Amino acid sequence: MMPRPLLILIVLIVILAGGLFALASLDREVPQVRVERPLSNEAAK
């Protein structure tokens, strides 16, 4: 059995890593949406 402080540290690290990955994926998705909108507008013309 691991001491509780170690478990708390591991849980916090996992949560922080998950949050960073979520932010990184959002930052990657936003530019793609910006690029797709002008293309769809040009296709509509």
C-alpha atoms as a PDB file:
ATOM      1  CA  MET A   1       0.000   0.000   0.000  1.00  0.00           C
ATOM      2  CA  MET A   2       1.299   3.426  -0.923  1.00  0.00           C
ATOM      3  CA  PRO A   3       1.120   6.309   1.544  1.00  0.00           C
ATOM      4  CA  ARG A   4      -1.792   8.654   0.943  1.00  0.00           C
ATOM      5  CA  PRO A   5       0.333  11.737   0.051  1.00  0.00           C
ATOM      6  CA  LEU A   6       1.841   9.755  -2.829  1.00  0.00           C
ATOM      7  CA  LEU A   7      -1.625   8.753  -4.068  1.00  0.00           C
ATOM      8  CA  ILE A   8      -2.808  12.373  -3.878  1.00  0.00           C
ATOM      9  CA  LEU A   9       0.270  13.528  -5.832  1.00  0.00           C
ATOM     10  CA  ILE A  10      -0.321  10.903  -8.541  1.00  0.00           C
ATOM     11  CA  VAL A  11      -3.998  11.870  -8.847  1.00  0.00           C
ATOM     12  CA  LEU A  12      -3.125  15.578  -9.124  1.00  0.00           C
ATOM     13  CA  ILE A  13      -0.488  14.863 -11.800  1.00  0.00           C
ATOM     14  CA  VAL A  14      -2.963  12.780 -13.815  1.00  0.00           C
ATOM     15  CA  ILE A  15      -5.619  15.518 -13.603  1.00  0.00           C
ATOM     16  CA  LEU A  16      -3.116  18.222 -14.613  1.00  0.00           C
ATOM     17  CA  ALA A  17      -1.858  16.108 -17.526  1.00  0.00           C
ATOM     18  CA  GLY A  18      -5.442  15.487 -18.684  1.00  0.00           C
ATOM     19  CA  GLY A  19      -6.211  19.202 -18.512  1.00  0.00           C
ATOM     20  CA  LEU A  20      -3.085  20.075 -20.493  1.00  0.00           C
ATOM     21  CA  PHE A  21      -3.935  17.493 -23.170  1.00  0.00           C
ATOM     22  CA  ALA A  22      -7.496  18.861 -23.390  1.00  0.00           C
ATOM     23  CA  LEU A  23      -6.207  22.437 -23.789  1.00  0.00           C
ATOM     24  CA  ALA A  24      -3.680  21.326 -26.423  1.00  0.00           C
ATOM     25  CA  SER A  25      -6.375  19.477 -28.410  1.00  0.00           C
ATOM     26  CA  LEU A  26      -8.659  22.551 -28.216  1.00  0.00           C
ATOM     27  CA  ASP A  27      -5.836  24.814 -29.442  1.00  0.00           C
ATOM     28  CA  ARG A  28      -5.272  22.426 -32.361  1.00  0.00           C
ATOM     29  CA  GLU A  29      -8.967  22.181 -33.252  1.00  0.00           C
ATOM     30  CA  VAL A  30      -9.671  25.942 -33.268  1.00  0.00           C
ATOM     31  CA  PRO A  31      -7.314  26.838 -36.180  1.00  0.00           C
ATOM     32  CA  GLN A  32      -8.749  23.964 -38.230  1.00  0.00           C
ATOM     33  CA  VAL A  33     -12.266  25.366 -37.747  1.00  0.00           C
ATOM     34  CA  ARG A  34     -11.051  28.835 -38.769  1.00  0.00           C
ATOM     35  CA  VAL A  35      -9.518  27.388 -41.944  1.00  0.00           C
ATOM     36  CA  GLU A  36     -12.602  25.339 -42.819  1.00  0.00           C
ATOM     37  CA  ARG A  37     -15.042  28.266 -42.589  1.00  0.00           C
ATOM     38  CA  PRO A  38     -13.492  30.387 -45.407  1.00  0.00           C
ATOM     39  CA  LEU A  39     -13.241  27.273 -47.598  1.00  0.00           C
ATOM     40  CA  SER A  40     -16.930  26.480 -47.074  1.00  0.00           C
ATOM     41  CA  ASN A  41     -17.809  30.132 -47.784  1.00  0.00           C
ATOM     42  CA  GLU A  42     -15.836  30.030 -51.047  1.00  0.00           C
ATOM     43  CA  ALA A  43     -17.529  26.778 -52.042  1.00  0.00           C
ATOM     44  CA  ALA A  44     -20.927  28.377 -51.358  1.00  0.00           C
ATOM     45  CA  LYS A  45     -20.094  31.190 -53.779  1.00  0.00           C
END
